[in-house]
Amino acid sequence: MKKYVAEMFGTFWLVLGGCGSAVLAAAFPDVGIGLLGVSLAFGLTVLTMAFAIGHISGCHLNPAVSIGLWAGGRFEAKELPPYIIAQVIGGLIGGAVLYLIASGQVGFDASAGFASNGFGEHSPGGYTMVAALVTEIVMTMMFLIVILGATDKRAPDGLAPIAIGLCLTLIHLISIPVTNTSVNPARSTGVAFFQGDWAVDQLWLFWLAPIVGAVIGAVIYRYIGSED
């Protein structure tokens, strides 16, 4: 049970820290911490939690990562349902706390976006559904390759959290303009519920694409990372 609770708190921190930076501290594309700041915030949430709970739960914080680790032979299938449930609950709690904080500002309107992921007219840069699908698949694929490589027993000890956190930062730098960057169904669900309109309607893509990308990344790493 402790590892599931750890996953819940870790995903809570990811949504509160990452999406919170976007909602509270960045005004895309104007003033504030901007795309770089939001990208760093997401990377830092994963880096800090990897050091905090990596030894407890593995610090997946992401249903796509859990599924990718299973596809990569690093995780048992029986653990997937409780991990995914814990991650989604943590994401929703993070979204709820962020909503409580953000709603303390006069004029706040969650329906305006609330750091939700979207495509078409709801993409920050107006990118199409196909562009969003390709982006989320490719970014999650690369994320899994980095995760599996950095946590390989042959990789340098103790540096995996840094590599993984920086990878997530890079992913956000590339893809925020396209989809607001998901690569994580729990992160998308955690804020879509509070946006409550188009974000919920488009949520299917931010479950499907990261999971497909994670499995592809796992298959690739099983091949290139094998010792045969």
C-alpha atoms as a PDB file:
ATOM      1  CA  MET A   1       0.000   0.000   0.000  1.00  0.00           C
ATOM      2  CA  LYS A   2       2.852   2.420   0.755  1.00  0.00           C
ATOM      3  CA  LYS A   3       4.039   2.414  -2.851  1.00  0.00           C
ATOM      4  CA  TYR A   4       0.549   3.245  -4.113  1.00  0.00           C
ATOM      5  CA  VAL A   5       0.278   6.125  -1.656  1.00  0.00           C
ATOM      6  CA  ALA A   6       3.733   7.278  -2.788  1.00  0.00           C
ATOM      7  CA  GLU A   7       2.554   7.264  -6.412  1.00  0.00           C
ATOM      8  CA  MET A   8      -0.523   9.247  -5.425  1.00  0.00           C
ATOM      9  CA  PHE A   9       1.508  11.934  -3.651  1.00  0.00           C
ATOM     10  CA  GLY A  10       4.100  12.003  -6.417  1.00  0.00           C
ATOM     11  CA  THR A  11       1.477  12.573  -9.110  1.00  0.00           C
ATOM     12  CA  PHE A  12      -0.215  15.154  -6.912  1.00  0.00           C
ATOM     13  CA  TRP A  13       3.075  17.059  -6.781  1.00  0.00           C
ATOM     14  CA  LEU A  14       3.579  16.771 -10.524  1.00  0.00           C
ATOM     15  CA  VAL A  15       0.158  18.260 -11.299  1.00  0.00           C
ATOM     16  CA  LEU A  16       0.318  20.913  -8.603  1.00  0.00           C
ATOM     17  CA  GLY A  17       3.893  21.901  -9.429  1.00  0.00           C
ATOM     18  CA  GLY A  18       3.801  21.605 -13.197  1.00  0.00           C
ATOM     19  CA  CYS A  19       0.273  22.743 -13.986  1.00  0.00           C
ATOM     20  CA  GLY A  20       0.417  25.179 -11.075  1.00  0.00           C
ATOM     21  CA  SER A  21       3.382  26.923 -12.660  1.00  0.00           C
ATOM     22  CA  ALA A  22       1.361  27.322 -15.852  1.00  0.00           C
ATOM     23  CA  VAL A  23      -1.832  28.518 -14.178  1.00  0.00           C
ATOM     24  CA  LEU A  24      -0.338  30.729 -11.467  1.00  0.00           C
ATOM     25  CA  ALA A  25       3.026  31.901 -12.741  1.00  0.00           C
ATOM     26  CA  ALA A  26       2.988  31.918 -16.545  1.00  0.00           C
ATOM     27  CA  ALA A  27       0.883  33.994 -18.907  1.00  0.00           C
ATOM     28  CA  PHE A  28       1.625  32.388 -22.266  1.00  0.00           C
ATOM     29  CA  PRO A  29       2.923  34.044 -24.369  1.00  0.00           C
ATOM     30  CA  ASP A  30       3.402  37.239 -22.384  1.00  0.00           C
ATOM     31  CA  VAL A  31       4.980  37.919 -18.985  1.00  0.00           C
ATOM     32  CA  GLY A  32       5.701  35.511 -16.150  1.00  0.00           C
ATOM     33  CA  ILE A  33       7.999  32.514 -16.100  1.00  0.00           C
ATOM     34  CA  GLY A  34       6.990  31.633 -19.662  1.00  0.00           C
ATOM     35  CA  LEU A  35       7.503  28.373 -21.531  1.00  0.00           C
ATOM     36  CA  LEU A  36      10.993  27.862 -20.131  1.00  0.00           C
ATOM     37  CA  GLY A  37       9.780  28.264 -16.560  1.00  0.00           C
ATOM     38  CA  VAL A  38       6.845  25.897 -17.003  1.00  0.00           C
ATOM     39  CA  SER A  39       9.075  23.349 -18.715  1.00  0.00           C
ATOM     40  CA  LEU A  40      11.544  23.495 -15.843  1.00  0.00           C
ATOM     41  CA  ALA A  41       8.728  23.188 -13.311  1.00  0.00           C
ATOM     42  CA  PHE A  42       7.516  19.917 -14.807  1.00  0.00           C
ATOM     43  CA  GLY A  43      11.053  18.570 -14.974  1.00  0.00           C
ATOM     44  CA  LEU A  44      11.735  19.589 -11.386  1.00  0.00           C
ATOM     45  CA  THR A  45       8.606  17.876 -10.077  1.00  0.00           C
ATOM     46  CA  VAL A  46       9.778  14.562 -11.528  1.00  0.00           C
ATOM     47  CA  LEU A  47      13.392  15.076 -10.473  1.00  0.00           C
ATOM     48  CA  THR A  48      12.497  15.915  -6.876  1.00  0.00           C
ATOM     49  CA  MET A  49       9.997  13.087  -6.505  1.00  0.00           C
ATOM     50  CA  ALA A  50      12.357  10.589  -8.116  1.00  0.00           C
ATOM     51  CA  PHE A  51      14.815  11.264  -5.305  1.00  0.00           C
ATOM     52  CA  ALA A  52      12.015  11.313  -2.720  1.00  0.00           C
ATOM     53  CA  ILE A  53      10.013   8.200  -3.646  1.00  0.00           C
ATOM     54  CA  GLY A  54      11.986   6.418  -6.358  1.00  0.00           C
ATOM     55  CA  HIS A  55      13.168   3.865  -3.816  1.00  0.00           C
ATOM     56  CA  ILE A  56       9.589   3.316  -2.615  1.00  0.00           C
ATOM     57  CA  SER A  57       7.465   3.042  -5.747  1.00  0.00           C
ATOM     58  CA  GLY A  58       9.824   3.623  -8.658  1.00  0.00           C
ATOM     59  CA  CYS A  59       8.313   7.100  -9.111  1.00  0.00           C
ATOM     60  CA  HIS A  60       6.282   6.446 -12.264  1.00  0.00           C
ATOM     61  CA  LEU A  61       3.717   9.254 -11.675  1.00  0.00           C
ATOM     62  CA  ASN A  62       2.257   8.437 -15.070  1.00  0.00           C
ATOM     63  CA  PRO A  63       0.011   5.609 -16.358  1.00  0.00           C
ATOM     64  CA  ALA A  64       1.853   5.641 -19.691  1.00  0.00           C
ATOM     65  CA  VAL A  65       5.191   5.189 -17.920  1.00  0.00           C
ATOM     66  CA  SER A  66       3.834   2.290 -15.861  1.00  0.00           C
ATOM     67  CA  ILE A  67       2.496   0.625 -19.007  1.00  0.00           C
ATOM     68  CA  GLY A  68       5.751   1.323 -20.835  1.00  0.00           C
ATOM     69  CA  LEU A  69       7.789  -0.197 -18.011  1.00  0.00           C
ATOM     70  CA  TRP A  70       5.567  -3.272 -18.167  1.00  0.00           C
ATOM     71  CA  ALA A  71       6.082  -3.477 -21.945  1.00  0.00           C
ATOM     72  CA  GLY A  72       9.813  -3.088 -21.333  1.00  0.00           C
ATOM     73  CA  GLY A  73       9.879  -6.028 -18.927  1.00  0.00           C
ATOM     74  CA  ARG A  74      10.528  -3.880 -15.851  1.00  0.00           C
ATOM     75  CA  PHE A  75       7.094  -3.988 -14.195  1.00  0.00           C
ATOM     76  CA  GLU A  76       4.511  -6.644 -13.354  1.00  0.00           C
ATOM     77  CA  ALA A  77       1.124  -6.523 -15.078  1.00  0.00           C
ATOM     78  CA  LYS A  78      -0.727  -7.150 -11.808  1.00  0.00           C
ATOM     79  CA  GLU A  79       0.616  -3.847 -10.455  1.00  0.00           C
ATOM     80  CA  LEU A  80      -0.755  -1.764 -13.334  1.00  0.00           C
ATOM     81  CA  PRO A  81      -4.350  -1.248 -12.099  1.00  0.00           C
ATOM     82  CA  PRO A  82      -3.467  -0.035  -8.570  1.00  0.00           C
ATOM     83  CA  TYR A  83      -0.628   2.148  -9.860  1.00  0.00           C
ATOM     84  CA  ILE A  84      -2.825   3.783 -12.506  1.00  0.00           C
ATOM     85  CA  ILE A  85      -5.680   4.321 -10.037  1.00  0.00           C
ATOM     86  CA  ALA A  86      -3.285   5.906  -7.517  1.00  0.00           C
ATOM     87  CA  GLN A  87      -1.795   8.154 -10.197  1.00  0.00           C
ATOM     88  CA  VAL A  88      -5.172   9.366 -11.444  1.00  0.00           C
ATOM     89  CA  ILE A  89      -6.365  10.030  -7.886  1.00  0.00           C
ATOM     90  CA  GLY A  90      -3.173  11.969  -7.176  1.00  0.00           C
ATOM     91  CA  GLY A  91      -3.636  13.972 -10.361  1.00  0.00           C
ATOM     92  CA  LEU A  92      -7.215  14.839  -9.452  1.00  0.00           C
ATOM     93  CA  ILE A  93      -6.194  15.902  -5.950  1.00  0.00           C
ATOM     94  CA  GLY A  94      -3.472  18.072  -7.452  1.00  0.00           C
ATOM     95  CA  GLY A  95      -6.018  19.617  -9.796  1.00  0.00           C
ATOM     96  CA  ALA A  96      -8.405  20.227  -6.896  1.00  0.00           C
ATOM     97  CA  VAL A  97      -5.785  21.988  -4.757  1.00  0.00           C
ATOM     98  CA  LEU A  98      -4.679  24.063  -7.728  1.00  0.00           C
ATOM     99  CA  TYR A  99      -8.307  24.997  -8.426  1.00  0.00           C
ATOM    100  CA  LEU A 100      -8.790  26.112  -4.813  1.00  0.00           C
ATOM    101  CA  ILE A 101      -5.695  28.291  -4.987  1.00  0.00           C
ATOM    102  CA  ALA A 102      -6.362  29.724  -8.441  1.00  0.00           C
ATOM    103  CA  SER A 103     -10.011  30.489  -7.691  1.00  0.00           C
ATOM    104  CA  GLY A 104      -8.811  32.888  -5.000  1.00  0.00           C
ATOM    105  CA  GLN A 105      -7.934  35.368  -7.730  1.00  0.00           C
ATOM    106  CA  VAL A 106     -10.635  37.764  -8.870  1.00  0.00           C
ATOM    107  CA  GLY A 107     -11.761  36.926 -12.382  1.00  0.00           C
ATOM    108  CA  PHE A 108     -10.372  33.386 -12.415  1.00  0.00           C
ATOM    109  CA  ASP A 109     -12.134  31.148 -14.926  1.00  0.00           C
ATOM    110  CA  ALA A 110     -11.148  27.467 -15.160  1.00  0.00           C
ATOM    111  CA  SER A 111     -13.124  27.096 -18.377  1.00  0.00           C
ATOM    112  CA  ALA A 112     -10.544  29.309 -20.081  1.00  0.00           C
ATOM    113  CA  GLY A 113      -8.085  26.415 -20.054  1.00  0.00           C
ATOM    114  CA  PHE A 114      -6.654  25.619 -16.612  1.00  0.00           C
ATOM    115  CA  ALA A 115      -3.421  24.217 -18.158  1.00  0.00           C
ATOM    116  CA  SER A 116      -5.446  21.565 -19.977  1.00  0.00           C
ATOM    117  CA  ASN A 117      -4.155  19.696 -23.004  1.00  0.00           C
ATOM    118  CA  GLY A 118      -5.856  20.215 -26.334  1.00  0.00           C
ATOM    119  CA  PHE A 119      -5.657  20.248 -30.099  1.00  0.00           C
ATOM    120  CA  GLY A 120      -7.207  22.272 -32.899  1.00  0.00           C
ATOM    121  CA  GLU A 121      -8.619  25.511 -31.535  1.00  0.00           C
ATOM    122  CA  HIS A 122      -7.561  24.425 -28.034  1.00  0.00           C
ATOM    123  CA  SER A 123      -3.911  23.904 -28.962  1.00  0.00           C
ATOM    124  CA  PRO A 124      -1.785  26.869 -27.754  1.00  0.00           C
ATOM    125  CA  GLY A 125      -0.426  27.208 -31.292  1.00  0.00           C
ATOM    126  CA  GLY A 126      -3.505  26.019 -33.170  1.00  0.00           C
ATOM    127  CA  TYR A 127      -2.044  22.643 -34.172  1.00  0.00           C
ATOM    128  CA  THR A 128      -4.263  19.940 -35.677  1.00  0.00           C
ATOM    129  CA  MET A 129      -5.354  16.679 -34.070  1.00  0.00           C
ATOM    130  CA  VAL A 130      -2.881  14.743 -36.236  1.00  0.00           C
ATOM    131  CA  ALA A 131      -0.019  17.011 -35.182  1.00  0.00           C
ATOM    132  CA  ALA A 132      -1.036  16.581 -31.539  1.00  0.00           C
ATOM    133  CA  LEU A 133      -1.267  12.799 -31.899  1.00  0.00           C
ATOM    134  CA  VAL A 134       2.164  12.515 -33.511  1.00  0.00           C
ATOM    135  CA  THR A 135       3.714  14.883 -30.974  1.00  0.00           C
ATOM    136  CA  GLU A 136       2.380  13.018 -27.953  1.00  0.00           C
ATOM    137  CA  ILE A 137       3.351   9.609 -29.354  1.00  0.00           C
ATOM    138  CA  VAL A 138       6.894  10.650 -30.263  1.00  0.00           C
ATOM    139  CA  MET A 139       7.546  12.616 -27.070  1.00  0.00           C
ATOM    140  CA  THR A 140       6.334   9.771 -24.859  1.00  0.00           C
ATOM    141  CA  MET A 141       8.322   7.268 -26.909  1.00  0.00           C
ATOM    142  CA  MET A 142      11.517   9.224 -26.293  1.00  0.00           C
ATOM    143  CA  PHE A 143      10.623   9.674 -22.628  1.00  0.00           C
ATOM    144  CA  LEU A 144      10.415   5.895 -22.179  1.00  0.00           C
ATOM    145  CA  ILE A 145      13.689   5.318 -23.989  1.00  0.00           C
ATOM    146  CA  VAL A 146      15.393   7.774 -21.639  1.00  0.00           C
ATOM    147  CA  ILE A 147      13.697   6.287 -18.554  1.00  0.00           C
ATOM    148  CA  LEU A 148      14.632   2.715 -19.467  1.00  0.00           C
ATOM    149  CA  GLY A 149      18.158   3.705 -20.422  1.00  0.00           C
ATOM    150  CA  ALA A 150      18.797   5.864 -17.368  1.00  0.00           C
ATOM    151  CA  THR A 151      17.527   3.139 -15.018  1.00  0.00           C
ATOM    152  CA  ASP A 152      19.363   0.313 -16.773  1.00  0.00           C
ATOM    153  CA  LYS A 153      21.677  -1.557 -14.399  1.00  0.00           C
ATOM    154  CA  ARG A 154      24.580  -0.614 -16.694  1.00  0.00           C
ATOM    155  CA  ALA A 155      23.851   3.140 -16.429  1.00  0.00           C
ATOM    156  CA  PRO A 156      25.722   5.351 -13.927  1.00  0.00           C
ATOM    157  CA  ASP A 157      24.319   4.944 -10.413  1.00  0.00           C
ATOM    158  CA  GLY A 158      22.206   7.683  -8.890  1.00  0.00           C
ATOM    159  CA  LEU A 159      21.889   9.910 -11.949  1.00  0.00           C
ATOM    160  CA  ALA A 160      18.612   8.599 -13.392  1.00  0.00           C
ATOM    161  CA  PRO A 161      16.413  11.258 -11.732  1.00  0.00           C
ATOM    162  CA  ILE A 162      18.476  14.035 -13.303  1.00  0.00           C
ATOM    163  CA  ALA A 163      18.340  12.525 -16.797  1.00  0.00           C
ATOM    164  CA  ILE A 164      14.605  11.841 -16.537  1.00  0.00           C
ATOM    165  CA  GLY A 165      13.781  15.281 -15.133  1.00  0.00           C
ATOM    166  CA  LEU A 166      15.808  17.034 -17.829  1.00  0.00           C
ATOM    167  CA  CYS A 167      14.176  14.873 -20.503  1.00  0.00           C
ATOM    168  CA  LEU A 168      10.723  15.937 -19.333  1.00  0.00           C
ATOM    169  CA  THR A 169      11.890  19.552 -19.362  1.00  0.00           C
ATOM    170  CA  LEU A 170      13.075  19.169 -22.964  1.00  0.00           C
ATOM    171  CA  ILE A 171       9.815  17.491 -23.968  1.00  0.00           C
ATOM    172  CA  HIS A 172       7.877  20.478 -22.635  1.00  0.00           C
ATOM    173  CA  LEU A 173      10.155  22.963 -24.389  1.00  0.00           C
ATOM    174  CA  ILE A 174       9.351  21.235 -27.669  1.00  0.00           C
ATOM    175  CA  SER A 175       5.675  20.464 -27.320  1.00  0.00           C
ATOM    176  CA  ILE A 176       3.923  23.051 -25.113  1.00  0.00           C
ATOM    177  CA  PRO A 177       2.963  25.084 -28.218  1.00  0.00           C
ATOM    178  CA  VAL A 178       1.410  21.981 -29.809  1.00  0.00           C
ATOM    179  CA  THR A 179      -0.642  20.343 -27.048  1.00  0.00           C
ATOM    180  CA  ASN A 180       0.344  22.118 -23.833  1.00  0.00           C
ATOM    181  CA  THR A 181       2.301  18.875 -23.326  1.00  0.00           C
ATOM    182  CA  SER A 182       0.758  15.851 -21.743  1.00  0.00           C
ATOM    183  CA  VAL A 183       2.832  12.652 -22.191  1.00  0.00           C
ATOM    184  CA  ASN A 184       0.938  11.720 -19.021  1.00  0.00           C
ATOM    185  CA  PRO A 185      -2.750  10.721 -18.888  1.00  0.00           C
ATOM    186  CA  ALA A 186      -2.972  11.389 -15.128  1.00  0.00           C
ATOM    187  CA  ARG A 187      -1.670  14.936 -15.576  1.00  0.00           C
ATOM    188  CA  SER A 188      -4.216  15.547 -18.343  1.00  0.00           C
ATOM    189  CA  THR A 189      -7.098  14.071 -16.342  1.00  0.00           C
ATOM    190  CA  GLY A 190      -6.191  16.016 -13.208  1.00  0.00           C
ATOM    191  CA  VAL A 191      -6.913  19.383 -14.810  1.00  0.00           C
ATOM    192  CA  ALA A 192      -9.403  18.407 -17.540  1.00  0.00           C
ATOM    193  CA  PHE A 193     -11.946  17.496 -14.865  1.00  0.00           C
ATOM    194  CA  PHE A 194     -11.876  21.075 -13.557  1.00  0.00           C
ATOM    195  CA  GLN A 195     -11.882  22.696 -16.999  1.00  0.00           C
ATOM    196  CA  GLY A 196     -14.956  20.576 -17.551  1.00  0.00           C
ATOM    197  CA  ASP A 197     -15.727  21.206 -21.221  1.00  0.00           C
ATOM    198  CA  TRP A 198     -13.542  20.718 -24.286  1.00  0.00           C
ATOM    199  CA  ALA A 199     -10.656  19.338 -22.211  1.00  0.00           C
ATOM    200  CA  VAL A 200     -12.807  16.376 -21.187  1.00  0.00           C
ATOM    201  CA  ASP A 201     -13.986  15.877 -24.782  1.00  0.00           C
ATOM    202  CA  GLN A 202     -10.388  15.776 -26.050  1.00  0.00           C
ATOM    203  CA  LEU A 203      -8.999  13.758 -23.148  1.00  0.00           C
ATOM    204  CA  TRP A 204      -9.116  10.504 -25.130  1.00  0.00           C
ATOM    205  CA  LEU A 205      -6.113  11.616 -27.218  1.00  0.00           C
ATOM    206  CA  PHE A 206      -4.044  12.292 -24.113  1.00  0.00           C
ATOM    207  CA  TRP A 207      -4.650   8.767 -22.889  1.00  0.00           C
ATOM    208  CA  LEU A 208      -4.263   7.002 -26.227  1.00  0.00           C
ATOM    209  CA  ALA A 209      -1.188   8.750 -27.629  1.00  0.00           C
ATOM    210  CA  PRO A 210       1.044   8.585 -24.514  1.00  0.00           C
ATOM    211  CA  ILE A 211       0.248   4.903 -23.983  1.00  0.00           C
ATOM    212  CA  VAL A 212       0.991   4.061 -27.633  1.00  0.00           C
ATOM    213  CA  GLY A 213       4.205   6.079 -27.494  1.00  0.00           C
ATOM    214  CA  ALA A 214       5.291   4.460 -24.245  1.00  0.00           C
ATOM    215  CA  VAL A 215       4.835   0.958 -25.632  1.00  0.00           C
ATOM    216  CA  ILE A 216       6.744   1.849 -28.801  1.00  0.00           C
ATOM    217  CA  GLY A 217       9.570   3.331 -26.735  1.00  0.00           C
ATOM    218  CA  ALA A 218       9.712   0.223 -24.558  1.00  0.00           C
ATOM    219  CA  VAL A 219       9.889  -2.075 -27.576  1.00  0.00           C
ATOM    220  CA  ILE A 220      12.678   0.020 -29.087  1.00  0.00           C
ATOM    221  CA  TYR A 221      14.696  -0.010 -25.872  1.00  0.00           C
ATOM    222  CA  ARG A 222      14.220  -3.755 -25.408  1.00  0.00           C
ATOM    223  CA  TYR A 223      15.914  -4.127 -28.761  1.00  0.00           C
ATOM    224  CA  ILE A 224      18.714  -1.554 -28.567  1.00  0.00           C
ATOM    225  CA  GLY A 225      19.337  -2.149 -24.868  1.00  0.00           C
ATOM    226  CA  SER A 226      19.513  -5.941 -24.970  1.00  0.00           C
ATOM    227  CA  GLU A 227      22.820  -7.520 -24.055  1.00  0.00           C
ATOM    228  CA  ASP A 228      22.564 -10.197 -26.751  1.00  0.00           C
END
